All heavy atoms as atom14 arrays in JSON, in Angstrom:
{
  "sequence": "GLHFDSPWADVVQVTWGVFSMSFWIGLGGGGFILLLGLQTRWQMHSRL",
  "atom14_mask": [
    [1, 1, 1, 1, 0, 0, 0, 0, 0, 0, 0, 0, 0, 0],
    [1, 1, 1, 1, 1, 1, 1, 1, 0, 0, 0, 0, 0, 0],
    [1, 1, 1, 1, 1, 1, 1, 1, 1, 1, 0, 0, 0, 0],
    [1, 1, 1, 1, 1, 1, 1, 1, 1, 1, 1, 0, 0, 0],
    [1, 1, 1, 1, 1, 1, 1, 1, 0, 0, 0, 0, 0, 0],
    [1, 1, 1, 1, 1, 1, 0, 0, 0, 0, 0, 0, 0, 0],
    [1, 1, 1, 1, 1, 1, 1, 0, 0, 0, 0, 0, 0, 0],
    [1, 1, 1, 1, 1, 1, 1, 1, 1, 1, 1, 1, 1, 1],
    [1, 1, 1, 1, 1, 0, 0, 0, 0, 0, 0, 0, 0, 0],
    [1, 1, 1, 1, 1, 1, 1, 1, 0, 0, 0, 0, 0, 0],
    [1, 1, 1, 1, 1, 1, 1, 0, 0, 0, 0, 0, 0, 0],
    [1, 1, 1, 1, 1, 1, 1, 0, 0, 0, 0, 0, 0, 0],
    [1, 1, 1, 1, 1, 1, 1, 1, 1, 0, 0, 0, 0, 0],
    [1, 1, 1, 1, 1, 1, 1, 0, 0, 0, 0, 0, 0, 0],
    [1, 1, 1, 1, 1, 1, 1, 0, 0, 0, 0, 0, 0, 0],
    [1, 1, 1, 1, 1, 1, 1, 1, 1, 1, 1, 1, 1, 1],
    [1, 1, 1, 1, 0, 0, 0, 0, 0, 0, 0, 0, 0, 0],
    [1, 1, 1, 1, 1, 1, 1, 0, 0, 0, 0, 0, 0, 0],
    [1, 1, 1, 1, 1, 1, 1, 1, 1, 1, 1, 0, 0, 0],
    [1, 1, 1, 1, 1, 1, 0, 0, 0, 0, 0, 0, 0, 0],
    [1, 1, 1, 1, 1, 1, 1, 1, 0, 0, 0, 0, 0, 0],
    [1, 1, 1, 1, 1, 1, 0, 0, 0, 0, 0, 0, 0, 0],
    [1, 1, 1, 1, 1, 1, 1, 1, 1, 1, 1, 0, 0, 0],
    [1, 1, 1, 1, 1, 1, 1, 1, 1, 1, 1, 1, 1, 1],
    [1, 1, 1, 1, 1, 1, 1, 1, 0, 0, 0, 0, 0, 0],
    [1, 1, 1, 1, 0, 0, 0, 0, 0, 0, 0, 0, 0, 0],
    [1, 1, 1, 1, 1, 1, 1, 1, 0, 0, 0, 0, 0, 0],
    [1, 1, 1, 1, 0, 0, 0, 0, 0, 0, 0, 0, 0, 0],
    [1, 1, 1, 1, 0, 0, 0, 0, 0, 0, 0, 0, 0, 0],
    [1, 1, 1, 1, 0, 0, 0, 0, 0, 0, 0, 0, 0, 0],
    [1, 1, 1, 1, 0, 0, 0, 0, 0, 0, 0, 0, 0, 0],
    [1, 1, 1, 1, 1, 1, 1, 1, 1, 1, 1, 0, 0, 0],
    [1, 1, 1, 1, 1, 1, 1, 1, 0, 0, 0, 0, 0, 0],
    [1, 1, 1, 1, 1, 1, 1, 1, 0, 0, 0, 0, 0, 0],
    [1, 1, 1, 1, 1, 1, 1, 1, 0, 0, 0, 0, 0, 0],
    [1, 1, 1, 1, 1, 1, 1, 1, 0, 0, 0, 0, 0, 0],
    [1, 1, 1, 1, 0, 0, 0, 0, 0, 0, 0, 0, 0, 0],
    [1, 1, 1, 1, 1, 1, 1, 1, 0, 0, 0, 0, 0, 0],
    [1, 1, 1, 1, 1, 1, 1, 1, 1, 0, 0, 0, 0, 0],
    [1, 1, 1, 1, 1, 1, 1, 0, 0, 0, 0, 0, 0, 0],
    [1, 1, 1, 1, 1, 1, 1, 1, 1, 1, 1, 0, 0, 0],
    [1, 1, 1, 1, 1, 1, 1, 1, 1, 1, 1, 1, 1, 1],
    [1, 1, 1, 1, 1, 1, 1, 1, 1, 0, 0, 0, 0, 0],
    [1, 1, 1, 1, 1, 1, 1, 1, 0, 0, 0, 0, 0, 0],
    [1, 1, 1, 1, 1, 1, 1, 1, 1, 1, 0, 0, 0, 0],
    [1, 1, 1, 1, 1, 1, 0, 0, 0, 0, 0, 0, 0, 0],
    [1, 1, 1, 1, 1, 1, 1, 1, 1, 1, 1, 0, 0, 0],
    [1, 1, 1, 1, 1, 1, 1, 1, 0, 0, 0, 0, 0, 0]
  ],
  "atom14_positions": [
    [[6.64, 11.77, -14.47], [7.03, 13.15, -14.5], [8.33, 13.45, -15.29], [8.42, 14.38, -16.11], [0.0, 0.0, 0.0], [0.0, 0.0, 0.0], [0.0, 0.0, 0.0], [0.0, 0.0, 0.0], [0.0, 0.0, 0.0], [0.0, 0.0, 0.0], [0.0, 0.0, 0.0], [0.0, 0.0, 0.0], [0.0, 0.0, 0.0], [0.0, 0.0, 0.0]],
    [[9.22, 12.49, -15.29], [10.52, 12.56, -16.09], [10.11, 12.43, -17.52], [10.69, 13.0, -18.35], [11.42, 11.46, -15.7], [12.02, 11.7, -14.2], [13.13, 10.52, -14.08], [12.73, 12.94, -14.12], [0.0, 0.0, 0.0], [0.0, 0.0, 0.0], [0.0, 0.0, 0.0], [0.0, 0.0, 0.0], [0.0, 0.0, 0.0], [0.0, 0.0, 0.0]],
    [[9.19, 11.5, -17.96], [8.82, 11.26, -19.24], [8.22, 12.44, -19.92], [8.52, 12.75, -21.11], [7.89, 10.16, -19.34], [7.32, 9.89, -20.86], [8.09, 9.22, -21.73], [6.12, 10.04, -21.33], [7.4, 9.07, -22.83], [6.24, 9.61, -22.59], [0.0, 0.0, 0.0], [0.0, 0.0, 0.0], [0.0, 0.0, 0.0], [0.0, 0.0, 0.0]],
    [[7.48, 13.26, -19.19], [6.73, 14.38, -19.74], [7.49, 15.68, -19.57], [7.02, 16.75, -19.72], [5.32, 14.53, -19.07], [4.36, 13.47, -19.53], [4.01, 12.48, -18.64], [3.83, 13.54, -20.9], [3.13, 11.49, -19.1], [3.02, 12.48, -21.2], [2.65, 11.54, -20.36], [0.0, 0.0, 0.0], [0.0, 0.0, 0.0], [0.0, 0.0, 0.0]],
    [[8.85, 15.55, -19.05], [9.72, 16.67, -19.0], [9.18, 17.67, -18.01], [9.38, 18.94, -18.24], [9.97, 17.36, -20.36], [10.7, 16.38, -21.29], [11.54, 15.6, -20.81], [10.57, 16.38, -22.44], [0.0, 0.0, 0.0], [0.0, 0.0, 0.0], [0.0, 0.0, 0.0], [0.0, 0.0, 0.0], [0.0, 0.0, 0.0], [0.0, 0.0, 0.0]],
    [[8.56, 17.35, -16.91], [8.01, 18.21, -15.91], [9.29, 18.86, -15.27], [10.33, 18.21, -15.05], [7.12, 17.58, -15.01], [5.95, 17.08, -15.71], [0.0, 0.0, 0.0], [0.0, 0.0, 0.0], [0.0, 0.0, 0.0], [0.0, 0.0, 0.0], [0.0, 0.0, 0.0], [0.0, 0.0, 0.0], [0.0, 0.0, 0.0], [0.0, 0.0, 0.0]],
    [[9.08, 19.95, -14.67], [10.15, 20.5, -13.83], [10.43, 19.68, -12.66], [9.59, 18.99, -12.05], [9.61, 21.94, -13.26], [8.61, 22.31, -14.4], [8.04, 21.02, -14.78], [0.0, 0.0, 0.0], [0.0, 0.0, 0.0], [0.0, 0.0, 0.0], [0.0, 0.0, 0.0], [0.0, 0.0, 0.0], [0.0, 0.0, 0.0], [0.0, 0.0, 0.0]],
    [[11.79, 19.73, -12.28], [12.31, 18.73, -11.2], [11.42, 18.9, -9.87], [11.0, 18.0, -9.31], [13.65, 18.9, -10.95], [14.32, 17.92, -9.88], [14.53, 18.3, -8.55], [14.4, 16.63, -9.93], [14.97, 17.27, -7.91], [15.01, 16.09, -8.73], [14.37, 15.63, -11.0], [15.24, 14.73, -8.45], [14.59, 14.42, -10.69], [15.01, 14.05, -9.44]],
    [[11.17, 20.25, -9.55], [10.46, 20.39, -8.32], [9.11, 19.91, -8.39], [8.53, 19.32, -7.34], [10.39, 21.98, -8.07], [0.0, 0.0, 0.0], [0.0, 0.0, 0.0], [0.0, 0.0, 0.0], [0.0, 0.0, 0.0], [0.0, 0.0, 0.0], [0.0, 0.0, 0.0], [0.0, 0.0, 0.0], [0.0, 0.0, 0.0], [0.0, 0.0, 0.0]],
    [[8.41, 19.97, -9.51], [7.07, 19.41, -9.7], [7.18, 17.79, -9.57], [6.23, 17.31, -9.11], [6.5, 19.88, -10.97], [6.05, 21.33, -11.04], [6.14, 21.97, -10.0], [5.92, 21.83, -12.13], [0.0, 0.0, 0.0], [0.0, 0.0, 0.0], [0.0, 0.0, 0.0], [0.0, 0.0, 0.0], [0.0, 0.0, 0.0], [0.0, 0.0, 0.0]],
    [[8.12, 17.28, -10.2], [8.28, 15.86, -10.15], [8.37, 15.36, -8.73], [7.68, 14.29, -8.32], [9.46, 15.33, -10.94], [9.72, 13.85, -10.83], [9.25, 15.61, -12.46], [0.0, 0.0, 0.0], [0.0, 0.0, 0.0], [0.0, 0.0, 0.0], [0.0, 0.0, 0.0], [0.0, 0.0, 0.0], [0.0, 0.0, 0.0], [0.0, 0.0, 0.0]],
    [[9.27, 15.98, -7.95], [9.37, 15.57, -6.57], [8.24, 15.77, -5.77], [7.68, 14.94, -4.9], [10.62, 16.46, -6.08], [10.64, 16.13, -4.44], [11.93, 16.12, -6.7], [0.0, 0.0, 0.0], [0.0, 0.0, 0.0], [0.0, 0.0, 0.0], [0.0, 0.0, 0.0], [0.0, 0.0, 0.0], [0.0, 0.0, 0.0], [0.0, 0.0, 0.0]],
    [[7.43, 16.89, -5.97], [6.22, 17.18, -5.27], [5.17, 16.23, -5.53], [4.54, 15.71, -4.68], [5.75, 18.63, -5.61], [4.53, 19.01, -4.82], [4.09, 20.39, -5.21], [4.64, 21.01, -6.02], [3.07, 20.84, -4.41], [0.0, 0.0, 0.0], [0.0, 0.0, 0.0], [0.0, 0.0, 0.0], [0.0, 0.0, 0.0], [0.0, 0.0, 0.0]],
    [[4.93, 15.75, -6.88], [3.98, 14.93, -7.26], [4.26, 13.44, -6.77], [3.54, 12.7, -6.18], [3.87, 14.8, -8.79], [2.95, 13.74, -9.11], [3.21, 16.06, -9.24], [0.0, 0.0, 0.0], [0.0, 0.0, 0.0], [0.0, 0.0, 0.0], [0.0, 0.0, 0.0], [0.0, 0.0, 0.0], [0.0, 0.0, 0.0], [0.0, 0.0, 0.0]],
    [[5.57, 13.09, -6.84], [5.92, 11.8, -6.24], [5.81, 11.75, -4.74], [5.27, 10.61, -4.31], [7.59, 11.58, -6.55], [7.78, 11.73, -7.97], [7.92, 10.18, -6.15], [0.0, 0.0, 0.0], [0.0, 0.0, 0.0], [0.0, 0.0, 0.0], [0.0, 0.0, 0.0], [0.0, 0.0, 0.0], [0.0, 0.0, 0.0], [0.0, 0.0, 0.0]],
    [[6.23, 12.75, -4.09], [5.91, 12.74, -2.61], [4.43, 12.74, -2.36], [4.02, 12.0, -1.27], [6.58, 14.01, -1.95], [6.27, 13.94, -0.55], [5.52, 14.94, 0.21], [6.91, 13.17, 0.5], [5.54, 14.48, 1.59], [6.33, 13.5, 1.71], [7.91, 12.08, 0.37], [6.83, 12.88, 2.99], [8.27, 11.49, 1.45], [7.76, 11.88, 2.83]],
    [[3.61, 13.43, -3.08], [2.15, 13.36, -2.87], [1.59, 11.96, -3.04], [0.74, 11.48, -2.29], [0.0, 0.0, 0.0], [0.0, 0.0, 0.0], [0.0, 0.0, 0.0], [0.0, 0.0, 0.0], [0.0, 0.0, 0.0], [0.0, 0.0, 0.0], [0.0, 0.0, 0.0], [0.0, 0.0, 0.0], [0.0, 0.0, 0.0], [0.0, 0.0, 0.0]],
    [[2.05, 11.31, -4.17], [1.56, 9.97, -4.45], [2.05, 8.98, -3.24], [1.29, 8.18, -2.85], [2.04, 9.51, -5.83], [1.77, 8.06, -5.98], [1.39, 10.31, -6.95], [0.0, 0.0, 0.0], [0.0, 0.0, 0.0], [0.0, 0.0, 0.0], [0.0, 0.0, 0.0], [0.0, 0.0, 0.0], [0.0, 0.0, 0.0], [0.0, 0.0, 0.0]],
    [[3.31, 9.17, -2.94], [3.86, 8.34, -1.8], [3.11, 8.49, -0.58], [2.77, 7.47, 0.14], [5.39, 8.64, -1.58], [5.94, 7.86, -0.46], [6.31, 6.54, -0.61], [6.2, 8.51, 0.71], [6.83, 5.84, 0.53], [6.71, 7.83, 1.86], [7.04, 6.41, 1.68], [0.0, 0.0, 0.0], [0.0, 0.0, 0.0], [0.0, 0.0, 0.0]],
    [[2.81, 9.73, -0.16], [2.08, 9.98, 1.07], [0.76, 9.29, 1.15], [0.16, 8.93, 2.19], [1.96, 11.57, 1.24], [3.13, 12.12, 1.3], [0.0, 0.0, 0.0], [0.0, 0.0, 0.0], [0.0, 0.0, 0.0], [0.0, 0.0, 0.0], [0.0, 0.0, 0.0], [0.0, 0.0, 0.0], [0.0, 0.0, 0.0], [0.0, 0.0, 0.0]],
    [[0.06, 9.19, 0.04], [-1.23, 8.48, -0.02], [-1.12, 7.05, -0.22], [-1.69, 6.25, 0.39], [-2.07, 9.15, -1.21], [-3.43, 8.53, -1.26], [-4.45, 9.38, -2.6], [-3.48, 8.98, -4.02], [0.0, 0.0, 0.0], [0.0, 0.0, 0.0], [0.0, 0.0, 0.0], [0.0, 0.0, 0.0], [0.0, 0.0, 0.0], [0.0, 0.0, 0.0]],
    [[-0.31, 6.6, -1.17], [-0.22, 5.2, -1.61], [0.33, 4.41, -0.58], [0.07, 3.13, -0.37], [0.43, 4.94, -2.99], [1.71, 5.4, -2.85], [0.0, 0.0, 0.0], [0.0, 0.0, 0.0], [0.0, 0.0, 0.0], [0.0, 0.0, 0.0], [0.0, 0.0, 0.0], [0.0, 0.0, 0.0], [0.0, 0.0, 0.0], [0.0, 0.0, 0.0]],
    [[1.43, 4.93, 0.24], [2.02, 4.16, 1.37], [0.92, 3.66, 2.32], [1.06, 2.49, 2.72], [3.02, 5.12, 2.02], [3.77, 4.51, 3.2], [4.8, 3.67, 2.97], [3.23, 4.67, 4.42], [5.42, 3.03, 4.13], [3.81, 3.94, 5.54], [4.86, 3.21, 5.42], [0.0, 0.0, 0.0], [0.0, 0.0, 0.0], [0.0, 0.0, 0.0]],
    [[0.08, 4.6, 2.71], [-0.84, 4.15, 3.74], [-1.85, 3.25, 3.17], [-2.5, 2.34, 3.77], [-1.55, 5.34, 4.35], [-0.52, 6.21, 5.18], [0.03, 7.49, 4.78], [0.13, 5.86, 6.26], [1.0, 7.77, 5.71], [0.98, 6.86, 6.69], [0.0, 4.72, 7.27], [1.72, 6.9, 7.82], [0.71, 4.73, 8.36], [1.61, 5.66, 8.72]],
    [[-2.28, 3.46, 1.87], [-3.12, 2.51, 1.22], [-2.56, 1.13, 1.12], [-3.17, 0.18, 1.41], [-3.54, 2.99, -0.16], [-4.38, 4.37, -0.07], [-4.41, 1.97, -0.97], [-4.67, 5.01, -1.38], [0.0, 0.0, 0.0], [0.0, 0.0, 0.0], [0.0, 0.0, 0.0], [0.0, 0.0, 0.0], [0.0, 0.0, 0.0], [0.0, 0.0, 0.0]],
    [[-1.32, 0.97, 0.78], [-0.66, -0.23, 0.65], [-0.37, -0.86, 2.01], [-0.68, -2.05, 2.2], [0.0, 0.0, 0.0], [0.0, 0.0, 0.0], [0.0, 0.0, 0.0], [0.0, 0.0, 0.0], [0.0, 0.0, 0.0], [0.0, 0.0, 0.0], [0.0, 0.0, 0.0], [0.0, 0.0, 0.0], [0.0, 0.0, 0.0], [0.0, 0.0, 0.0]],
    [[-0.13, -0.03, 2.97], [0.06, -0.56, 4.37], [-1.33, -1.13, 4.94], [-1.29, -2.16, 5.45], [0.61, 0.4, 5.29], [0.91, 0.13, 6.73], [1.94, -1.07, 6.71], [1.38, 1.22, 7.61], [0.0, 0.0, 0.0], [0.0, 0.0, 0.0], [0.0, 0.0, 0.0], [0.0, 0.0, 0.0], [0.0, 0.0, 0.0], [0.0, 0.0, 0.0]],
    [[-2.41, -0.36, 4.76], [-3.68, -0.84, 5.21], [-4.14, -1.97, 4.43], [-4.7, -2.97, 5.07], [0.0, 0.0, 0.0], [0.0, 0.0, 0.0], [0.0, 0.0, 0.0], [0.0, 0.0, 0.0], [0.0, 0.0, 0.0], [0.0, 0.0, 0.0], [0.0, 0.0, 0.0], [0.0, 0.0, 0.0], [0.0, 0.0, 0.0], [0.0, 0.0, 0.0]],
    [[-3.99, -1.96, 3.12], [-4.42, -3.04, 2.34], [-3.74, -4.35, 2.6], [-4.3, -5.51, 2.88], [0.0, 0.0, 0.0], [0.0, 0.0, 0.0], [0.0, 0.0, 0.0], [0.0, 0.0, 0.0], [0.0, 0.0, 0.0], [0.0, 0.0, 0.0], [0.0, 0.0, 0.0], [0.0, 0.0, 0.0], [0.0, 0.0, 0.0], [0.0, 0.0, 0.0]],
    [[-2.39, -4.23, 2.73], [-1.63, -5.46, 3.2], [-1.9, -5.97, 4.54], [-2.0, -7.12, 4.69], [0.0, 0.0, 0.0], [0.0, 0.0, 0.0], [0.0, 0.0, 0.0], [0.0, 0.0, 0.0], [0.0, 0.0, 0.0], [0.0, 0.0, 0.0], [0.0, 0.0, 0.0], [0.0, 0.0, 0.0], [0.0, 0.0, 0.0], [0.0, 0.0, 0.0]],
    [[-2.13, -5.08, 5.45], [-2.56, -5.49, 6.77], [-3.68, -6.12, 6.79], [-3.97, -7.18, 7.62], [0.0, 0.0, 0.0], [0.0, 0.0, 0.0], [0.0, 0.0, 0.0], [0.0, 0.0, 0.0], [0.0, 0.0, 0.0], [0.0, 0.0, 0.0], [0.0, 0.0, 0.0], [0.0, 0.0, 0.0], [0.0, 0.0, 0.0], [0.0, 0.0, 0.0]],
    [[-4.69, -5.63, 6.06], [-5.94, -6.31, 6.08], [-6.02, -7.74, 5.44], [-6.57, -8.55, 5.94], [-7.02, -5.51, 5.25], [-8.36, -6.16, 4.97], [-9.29, -6.12, 6.03], [-8.69, -6.7, 3.75], [-10.58, -6.75, 5.8], [-9.9, -7.22, 3.59], [-10.89, -7.29, 4.59], [0.0, 0.0, 0.0], [0.0, 0.0, 0.0], [0.0, 0.0, 0.0]],
    [[-5.23, -7.88, 4.3], [-5.05, -9.17, 3.77], [-4.35, -10.13, 4.71], [-4.65, -11.32, 4.79], [-4.37, -9.1, 2.29], [-5.21, -8.22, 1.42], [-4.13, -10.46, 1.75], [-6.49, -8.83, 1.03], [0.0, 0.0, 0.0], [0.0, 0.0, 0.0], [0.0, 0.0, 0.0], [0.0, 0.0, 0.0], [0.0, 0.0, 0.0], [0.0, 0.0, 0.0]],
    [[-3.37, -9.54, 5.34], [-2.59, -10.43, 6.41], [-3.58, -11.02, 7.43], [-3.49, -12.12, 7.79], [-1.43, -9.58, 6.85], [-0.6, -10.47, 8.03], [-0.04, -11.63, 7.44], [0.36, -9.45, 8.55], [0.0, 0.0, 0.0], [0.0, 0.0, 0.0], [0.0, 0.0, 0.0], [0.0, 0.0, 0.0], [0.0, 0.0, 0.0], [0.0, 0.0, 0.0]],
    [[-4.42, -10.11, 8.02], [-5.3, -10.42, 9.09], [-6.22, -11.47, 8.58], [-6.66, -12.38, 9.23], [-5.96, -9.21, 9.68], [-5.14, -8.27, 10.48], [-5.99, -6.99, 10.82], [-4.55, -8.98, 11.64], [0.0, 0.0, 0.0], [0.0, 0.0, 0.0], [0.0, 0.0, 0.0], [0.0, 0.0, 0.0], [0.0, 0.0, 0.0], [0.0, 0.0, 0.0]],
    [[-6.7, -11.27, 7.23], [-7.67, -12.19, 6.64], [-7.03, -13.67, 6.52], [-7.79, -14.54, 6.84], [-8.14, -11.68, 5.33], [-9.4, -12.34, 4.73], [-10.67, -12.19, 5.53], [-9.57, -11.65, 3.35], [0.0, 0.0, 0.0], [0.0, 0.0, 0.0], [0.0, 0.0, 0.0], [0.0, 0.0, 0.0], [0.0, 0.0, 0.0], [0.0, 0.0, 0.0]],
    [[-5.78, -13.62, 6.11], [-5.1, -14.94, 5.94], [-4.88, -15.53, 7.26], [-5.15, -16.83, 7.36], [0.0, 0.0, 0.0], [0.0, 0.0, 0.0], [0.0, 0.0, 0.0], [0.0, 0.0, 0.0], [0.0, 0.0, 0.0], [0.0, 0.0, 0.0], [0.0, 0.0, 0.0], [0.0, 0.0, 0.0], [0.0, 0.0, 0.0], [0.0, 0.0, 0.0]],
    [[-4.49, -14.77, 8.27], [-4.25, -15.46, 9.58], [-5.56, -15.88, 10.23], [-5.58, -16.92, 10.85], [-3.57, -14.42, 10.47], [-2.16, -14.02, 10.03], [-1.7, -12.9, 11.08], [-1.19, -15.19, 10.24], [0.0, 0.0, 0.0], [0.0, 0.0, 0.0], [0.0, 0.0, 0.0], [0.0, 0.0, 0.0], [0.0, 0.0, 0.0], [0.0, 0.0, 0.0]],
    [[-6.64, -15.14, 9.97], [-7.95, -15.62, 10.5], [-8.39, -16.95, 9.9], [-8.88, -17.84, 10.58], [-9.03, -14.63, 10.14], [-10.36, -14.93, 10.76], [-11.47, -13.94, 10.35], [-11.36, -13.36, 9.27], [-12.48, -13.77, 11.16], [0.0, 0.0, 0.0], [0.0, 0.0, 0.0], [0.0, 0.0, 0.0], [0.0, 0.0, 0.0], [0.0, 0.0, 0.0]],
    [[-8.14, -17.16, 8.55], [-8.37, -18.36, 7.85], [-7.7, -19.53, 8.48], [-8.19, -20.64, 8.6], [-8.08, -18.25, 6.45], [-8.92, -17.17, 5.71], [-8.46, -19.57, 5.58], [0.0, 0.0, 0.0], [0.0, 0.0, 0.0], [0.0, 0.0, 0.0], [0.0, 0.0, 0.0], [0.0, 0.0, 0.0], [0.0, 0.0, 0.0], [0.0, 0.0, 0.0]],
    [[-6.34, -19.39, 8.86], [-5.56, -20.38, 9.34], [-6.08, -20.66, 10.78], [-6.21, -21.94, 11.18], [-4.09, -20.09, 9.45], [-3.48, -19.61, 8.22], [-3.65, -20.51, 7.07], [-2.86, -21.72, 7.17], [-2.89, -22.74, 6.3], [-3.6, -22.66, 5.2], [-2.19, -23.85, 6.51], [0.0, 0.0, 0.0], [0.0, 0.0, 0.0], [0.0, 0.0, 0.0]],
    [[-6.48, -19.62, 11.5], [-7.01, -19.9, 12.92], [-8.32, -20.64, 12.9], [-8.6, -21.58, 13.7], [-7.17, -18.46, 13.67], [-7.71, -18.65, 14.93], [-6.93, -18.85, 16.11], [-9.13, -18.44, 15.39], [-7.9, -18.89, 17.23], [-9.17, -18.59, 16.78], [-10.25, -18.22, 14.61], [-10.25, -18.53, 17.46], [-11.48, -18.11, 15.41], [-11.43, -18.32, 16.75]],
    [[-9.19, -20.28, 11.89], [-10.4, -20.98, 11.78], [-10.23, -22.42, 11.51], [-10.92, -23.39, 12.0], [-11.3, -20.31, 10.81], [-11.89, -19.01, 11.11], [-12.75, -18.31, 10.09], [-12.51, -18.6, 8.91], [-13.62, -17.34, 10.43], [0.0, 0.0, 0.0], [0.0, 0.0, 0.0], [0.0, 0.0, 0.0], [0.0, 0.0, 0.0], [0.0, 0.0, 0.0]],
    [[-9.19, -22.76, 10.68], [-9.01, -24.04, 10.37], [-8.46, -24.95, 11.55], [-8.94, -26.06, 11.8], [-7.82, -24.12, 9.25], [-7.44, -25.58, 8.9], [-6.02, -25.63, 7.78], [-4.82, -25.1, 9.0], [0.0, 0.0, 0.0], [0.0, 0.0, 0.0], [0.0, 0.0, 0.0], [0.0, 0.0, 0.0], [0.0, 0.0, 0.0], [0.0, 0.0, 0.0]],
    [[-7.66, -24.17, 12.38], [-7.22, -24.96, 13.68], [-8.43, -25.2, 14.7], [-8.52, -26.22, 15.25], [-6.12, -24.04, 14.44], [-4.85, -23.89, 13.49], [-3.98, -22.88, 13.82], [-4.48, -24.54, 12.44], [-2.98, -23.06, 13.0], [-3.28, -23.9, 12.12], [0.0, 0.0, 0.0], [0.0, 0.0, 0.0], [0.0, 0.0, 0.0], [0.0, 0.0, 0.0]],
    [[-9.35, -24.17, 14.62], [-10.52, -24.41, 15.53], [-11.41, -25.61, 15.08], [-11.8, -26.3, 15.9], [-11.38, -23.01, 15.51], [-10.62, -22.02, 16.02], [0.0, 0.0, 0.0], [0.0, 0.0, 0.0], [0.0, 0.0, 0.0], [0.0, 0.0, 0.0], [0.0, 0.0, 0.0], [0.0, 0.0, 0.0], [0.0, 0.0, 0.0], [0.0, 0.0, 0.0]],
    [[-11.49, -25.67, 13.81], [-12.31, -26.83, 13.22], [-11.56, -28.18, 13.62], [-12.33, -29.18, 13.8], [-12.52, -26.7, 11.8], [-13.49, -25.64, 11.35], [-14.02, -25.84, 10.03], [-12.86, -25.78, 8.98], [-12.26, -24.63, 8.3], [-12.91, -23.46, 8.65], [-11.31, -24.8, 7.58], [0.0, 0.0, 0.0], [0.0, 0.0, 0.0], [0.0, 0.0, 0.0]],
    [[-10.3, -28.22, 13.62], [-9.61, -29.49, 13.76], [-9.86, -30.04, 15.23], [-9.72, -31.25, 15.41], [-8.05, -29.25, 13.56], [-7.61, -29.17, 12.1], [-6.11, -28.85, 12.09], [-7.91, -30.4, 11.44], [0.0, 0.0, 0.0], [0.0, 0.0, 0.0], [0.0, 0.0, 0.0], [0.0, 0.0, 0.0], [0.0, 0.0, 0.0], [0.0, 0.0, 0.0]]
  ]
}
């Protein structure tokens, strides 16, 4: 937004809109990968 000289209000609005969506995507994706990694370790313990 700053690079294209957009109005400050538009920059803030777009940034907040992206944050509102990408925050939950990152949280959900990170949580899924974490659970997948923990499940792999748990399965390894079960085989042992």
